[in-house]
Amino acid sequence: MPEHDVVEGWIKRYVHAWSTGERADIEALFTSDAEYHEWPYETDWIGRDEIVEGWQSRDDWQRNGWTFQWEILMITGDTAAVRGRGTYTEFGEFDNLWTLTFAPDGRVDVLRMWNNQAEN
């Protein structure tokens, strides 16, 4: 069961990897057979290589600036729930709800994200 500091550290590394887009940074977050699901965008990346390729295909999202604010809502067993808000200079604001299922080594096996454009 991940402790709060494990989940917090993982999210900080996620934000770092999203900003660098470096393969090694992304790979360090996920198990080799991890799943990454995002709604309503029908993103279903299965396996670490597909996750890396998917992230890198969105590299242009970061180029004009972005920020991410987040909070851990709860941790139950091997799963954490996280609320976030990504603000992209070019695309606007997106409210996120994540569930993260952790492997014993602190990497994520399954990420599920509900990602909706925020209404201001």
C-alpha atoms as a PDB file:
ATOM      1  CA  MET A   1       0.000   0.000   0.000  1.00  0.00           C
ATOM      2  CA  PRO A   2       1.568   3.321  -1.009  1.00  0.00           C
ATOM      3  CA  GLU A   3       2.004   5.958   1.646  1.00  0.00           C
ATOM      4  CA  HIS A   4       1.167   9.627   1.037  1.00  0.00           C
ATOM      5  CA  ASP A   5       4.835  10.515   0.389  1.00  0.00           C
ATOM      6  CA  VAL A   6       5.114   7.764  -2.270  1.00  0.00           C
ATOM      7  CA  VAL A   7       2.060   9.094  -4.124  1.00  0.00           C
ATOM      8  CA  GLU A   8       3.214  12.701  -3.776  1.00  0.00           C
ATOM      9  CA  GLY A   9       6.690  11.825  -5.066  1.00  0.00           C
ATOM     10  CA  TRP A  10       5.201   9.951  -8.009  1.00  0.00           C
ATOM     11  CA  ILE A  11       3.017  12.932  -8.977  1.00  0.00           C
ATOM     12  CA  LYS A  12       6.013  15.279  -8.792  1.00  0.00           C
ATOM     13  CA  ARG A  13       7.973  12.928 -11.073  1.00  0.00           C
ATOM     14  CA  TYR A  14       4.951  12.758 -13.409  1.00  0.00           C
ATOM     15  CA  VAL A  15       4.882  16.562 -13.697  1.00  0.00           C
ATOM     16  CA  HIS A  16       8.635  16.568 -14.294  1.00  0.00           C
ATOM     17  CA  ALA A  17       8.331  13.888 -17.002  1.00  0.00           C
ATOM     18  CA  TRP A  18       5.458  15.772 -18.651  1.00  0.00           C
ATOM     19  CA  SER A  19       7.672  18.852 -18.828  1.00  0.00           C
ATOM     20  CA  THR A  20      10.785  17.068 -20.144  1.00  0.00           C
ATOM     21  CA  GLY A  21       9.175  14.501 -22.431  1.00  0.00           C
ATOM     22  CA  GLU A  22      12.284  12.370 -21.918  1.00  0.00           C
ATOM     23  CA  ARG A  23      11.827   8.637 -22.396  1.00  0.00           C
ATOM     24  CA  ALA A  24      13.733   7.725 -19.215  1.00  0.00           C
ATOM     25  CA  ASP A  25      11.628  10.122 -17.093  1.00  0.00           C
ATOM     26  CA  ILE A  26       8.378   8.649 -18.434  1.00  0.00           C
ATOM     27  CA  GLU A  27       9.541   5.031 -18.219  1.00  0.00           C
ATOM     28  CA  ALA A  28      10.501   5.468 -14.554  1.00  0.00           C
ATOM     29  CA  LEU A  29       6.848   6.119 -13.680  1.00  0.00           C
ATOM     30  CA  PHE A  30       5.254   2.964 -15.069  1.00  0.00           C
ATOM     31  CA  THR A  31       5.638  -0.799 -14.935  1.00  0.00           C
ATOM     32  CA  SER A  32       6.508  -2.514 -18.217  1.00  0.00           C
ATOM     33  CA  ASP A  33       2.918  -3.698 -18.744  1.00  0.00           C
ATOM     34  CA  ALA A  34       1.206  -0.584 -17.373  1.00  0.00           C
ATOM     35  CA  GLU A  35      -2.103   0.731 -18.677  1.00  0.00           C
ATOM     36  CA  TYR A  36      -2.924   4.410 -19.272  1.00  0.00           C
ATOM     37  CA  HIS A  37      -6.584   5.227 -19.911  1.00  0.00           C
ATOM     38  CA  GLU A  38      -7.969   8.719 -20.449  1.00  0.00           C
ATOM     39  CA  TRP A  39     -11.585   9.757 -20.935  1.00  0.00           C
ATOM     40  CA  PRO A  40     -13.340  11.277 -22.820  1.00  0.00           C
ATOM     41  CA  TYR A  41     -10.451  11.182 -25.311  1.00  0.00           C
ATOM     42  CA  GLU A  42     -10.483   7.391 -25.710  1.00  0.00           C
ATOM     43  CA  THR A  43      -6.797   7.107 -24.918  1.00  0.00           C
ATOM     44  CA  ASP A  44      -5.850   3.511 -24.157  1.00  0.00           C
ATOM     45  CA  TRP A  45      -2.098   3.030 -24.096  1.00  0.00           C
ATOM     46  CA  ILE A  46      -1.067  -0.458 -23.022  1.00  0.00           C
ATOM     47  CA  GLY A  47       2.544  -1.100 -22.070  1.00  0.00           C
ATOM     48  CA  ARG A  48       5.284   1.333 -21.120  1.00  0.00           C
ATOM     49  CA  ASP A  49       6.525   1.780 -24.715  1.00  0.00           C
ATOM     50  CA  GLU A  50       3.055   2.797 -25.912  1.00  0.00           C
ATOM     51  CA  ILE A  51       2.711   5.205 -22.971  1.00  0.00           C
ATOM     52  CA  VAL A  52       6.043   6.838 -23.841  1.00  0.00           C
ATOM     53  CA  GLU A  53       5.084   7.167 -27.512  1.00  0.00           C
ATOM     54  CA  GLY A  54       1.694   8.597 -26.571  1.00  0.00           C
ATOM     55  CA  TRP A  55       3.174  11.198 -24.240  1.00  0.00           C
ATOM     56  CA  GLN A  56       5.783  12.211 -26.752  1.00  0.00           C
ATOM     57  CA  SER A  57       3.088  12.646 -29.424  1.00  0.00           C
ATOM     58  CA  ARG A  58       1.646  15.404 -27.205  1.00  0.00           C
ATOM     59  CA  ASP A  59       4.950  17.213 -26.788  1.00  0.00           C
ATOM     60  CA  ASP A  60       3.651  20.361 -28.500  1.00  0.00           C
ATOM     61  CA  TRP A  61       1.077  20.840 -25.713  1.00  0.00           C
ATOM     62  CA  GLN A  62       3.824  22.038 -23.380  1.00  0.00           C
ATOM     63  CA  ARG A  63       5.739  24.312 -25.750  1.00  0.00           C
ATOM     64  CA  ASN A  64       3.759  27.487 -25.125  1.00  0.00           C
ATOM     65  CA  GLY A  65       3.592  27.046 -21.361  1.00  0.00           C
ATOM     66  CA  TRP A  66       1.514  25.133 -18.848  1.00  0.00           C
ATOM     67  CA  THR A  67       1.013  24.590 -15.140  1.00  0.00           C
ATOM     68  CA  PHE A  68      -0.480  21.785 -13.073  1.00  0.00           C
ATOM     69  CA  GLN A  69      -2.056  21.995  -9.631  1.00  0.00           C
ATOM     70  CA  TRP A  70      -3.092  18.865  -7.782  1.00  0.00           C
ATOM     71  CA  GLU A  71      -4.186  17.308  -4.513  1.00  0.00           C
ATOM     72  CA  ILE A  72      -4.359  13.748  -3.268  1.00  0.00           C
ATOM     73  CA  LEU A  73      -7.976  12.979  -2.393  1.00  0.00           C
ATOM     74  CA  MET A  74      -7.489   9.543  -0.844  1.00  0.00           C
ATOM     75  CA  ILE A  75      -5.392   6.398  -0.756  1.00  0.00           C
ATOM     76  CA  THR A  76      -7.091   3.027  -0.385  1.00  0.00           C
ATOM     77  CA  GLY A  77      -5.099  -0.168  -0.640  1.00  0.00           C
ATOM     78  CA  ASP A  78      -2.841   0.093  -3.688  1.00  0.00           C
ATOM     79  CA  THR A  79      -4.879   2.890  -5.319  1.00  0.00           C
ATOM     80  CA  ALA A  80      -4.789   6.666  -4.938  1.00  0.00           C
ATOM     81  CA  ALA A  81      -7.289   9.247  -6.196  1.00  0.00           C
ATOM     82  CA  VAL A  82      -5.932  12.625  -7.326  1.00  0.00           C
ATOM     83  CA  ARG A  83      -7.679  15.805  -8.437  1.00  0.00           C
ATOM     84  CA  GLY A  84      -5.758  18.119 -10.733  1.00  0.00           C
ATOM     85  CA  ARG A  85      -6.071  21.126 -12.983  1.00  0.00           C
ATOM     86  CA  GLY A  86      -3.827  21.564 -15.997  1.00  0.00           C
ATOM     87  CA  THR A  87      -3.647  25.021 -17.509  1.00  0.00           C
ATOM     88  CA  TYR A  88      -2.222  25.240 -21.025  1.00  0.00           C
ATOM     89  CA  THR A  89      -1.497  28.630 -22.585  1.00  0.00           C
ATOM     90  CA  GLU A  90      -2.700  27.388 -25.945  1.00  0.00           C
ATOM     91  CA  PHE A  91      -5.554  25.039 -24.975  1.00  0.00           C
ATOM     92  CA  GLY A  92      -7.106  26.396 -21.761  1.00  0.00           C
ATOM     93  CA  GLU A  93      -7.834  24.702 -18.446  1.00  0.00           C
ATOM     94  CA  PHE A  94      -8.633  21.038 -17.866  1.00  0.00           C
ATOM     95  CA  ASP A  95      -9.971  19.484 -14.668  1.00  0.00           C
ATOM     96  CA  ASN A  96      -8.634  15.991 -14.017  1.00  0.00           C
ATOM     97  CA  LEU A  97      -9.563  13.105 -11.775  1.00  0.00           C
ATOM     98  CA  TRP A  98      -7.001  10.297 -11.659  1.00  0.00           C
ATOM     99  CA  THR A  99      -6.922   6.893 -10.086  1.00  0.00           C
ATOM    100  CA  LEU A 100      -3.447   5.449  -9.779  1.00  0.00           C
ATOM    101  CA  THR A 101      -2.931   1.773  -9.003  1.00  0.00           C
ATOM    102  CA  PHE A 102       0.579   1.216  -7.687  1.00  0.00           C
ATOM    103  CA  ALA A 103       2.887  -1.777  -8.001  1.00  0.00           C
ATOM    104  CA  PRO A 104       4.880  -2.757  -4.881  1.00  0.00           C
ATOM    105  CA  ASP A 105       7.970  -0.954  -6.273  1.00  0.00           C
ATOM    106  CA  GLY A 106       6.191   2.444  -6.350  1.00  0.00           C
ATOM    107  CA  ARG A 107       5.591   2.564 -10.089  1.00  0.00           C
ATOM    108  CA  VAL A 108       2.079   2.709 -11.503  1.00  0.00           C
ATOM    109  CA  ASP A 109       0.374  -0.342 -13.045  1.00  0.00           C
ATOM    110  CA  VAL A 110      -2.850   1.403 -14.076  1.00  0.00           C
ATOM    111  CA  LEU A 111      -3.609   5.091 -14.545  1.00  0.00           C
ATOM    112  CA  ARG A 112      -7.191   6.111 -15.232  1.00  0.00           C
ATOM    113  CA  MET A 113      -7.826   9.780 -15.986  1.00  0.00           C
ATOM    114  CA  TRP A 114     -11.026  11.695 -16.506  1.00  0.00           C
ATOM    115  CA  ASN A 115      -9.952  14.891 -18.237  1.00  0.00           C
ATOM    116  CA  ASN A 116     -12.498  17.589 -19.013  1.00  0.00           C
ATOM    117  CA  GLN A 117     -12.088  21.125 -20.249  1.00  0.00           C
ATOM    118  CA  ALA A 118     -12.889  23.449 -17.353  1.00  0.00           C
ATOM    119  CA  GLU A 119     -15.688  25.935 -17.597  1.00  0.00           C
ATOM    120  CA  ASN A 120     -14.710  29.355 -16.311  1.00  0.00           C
END
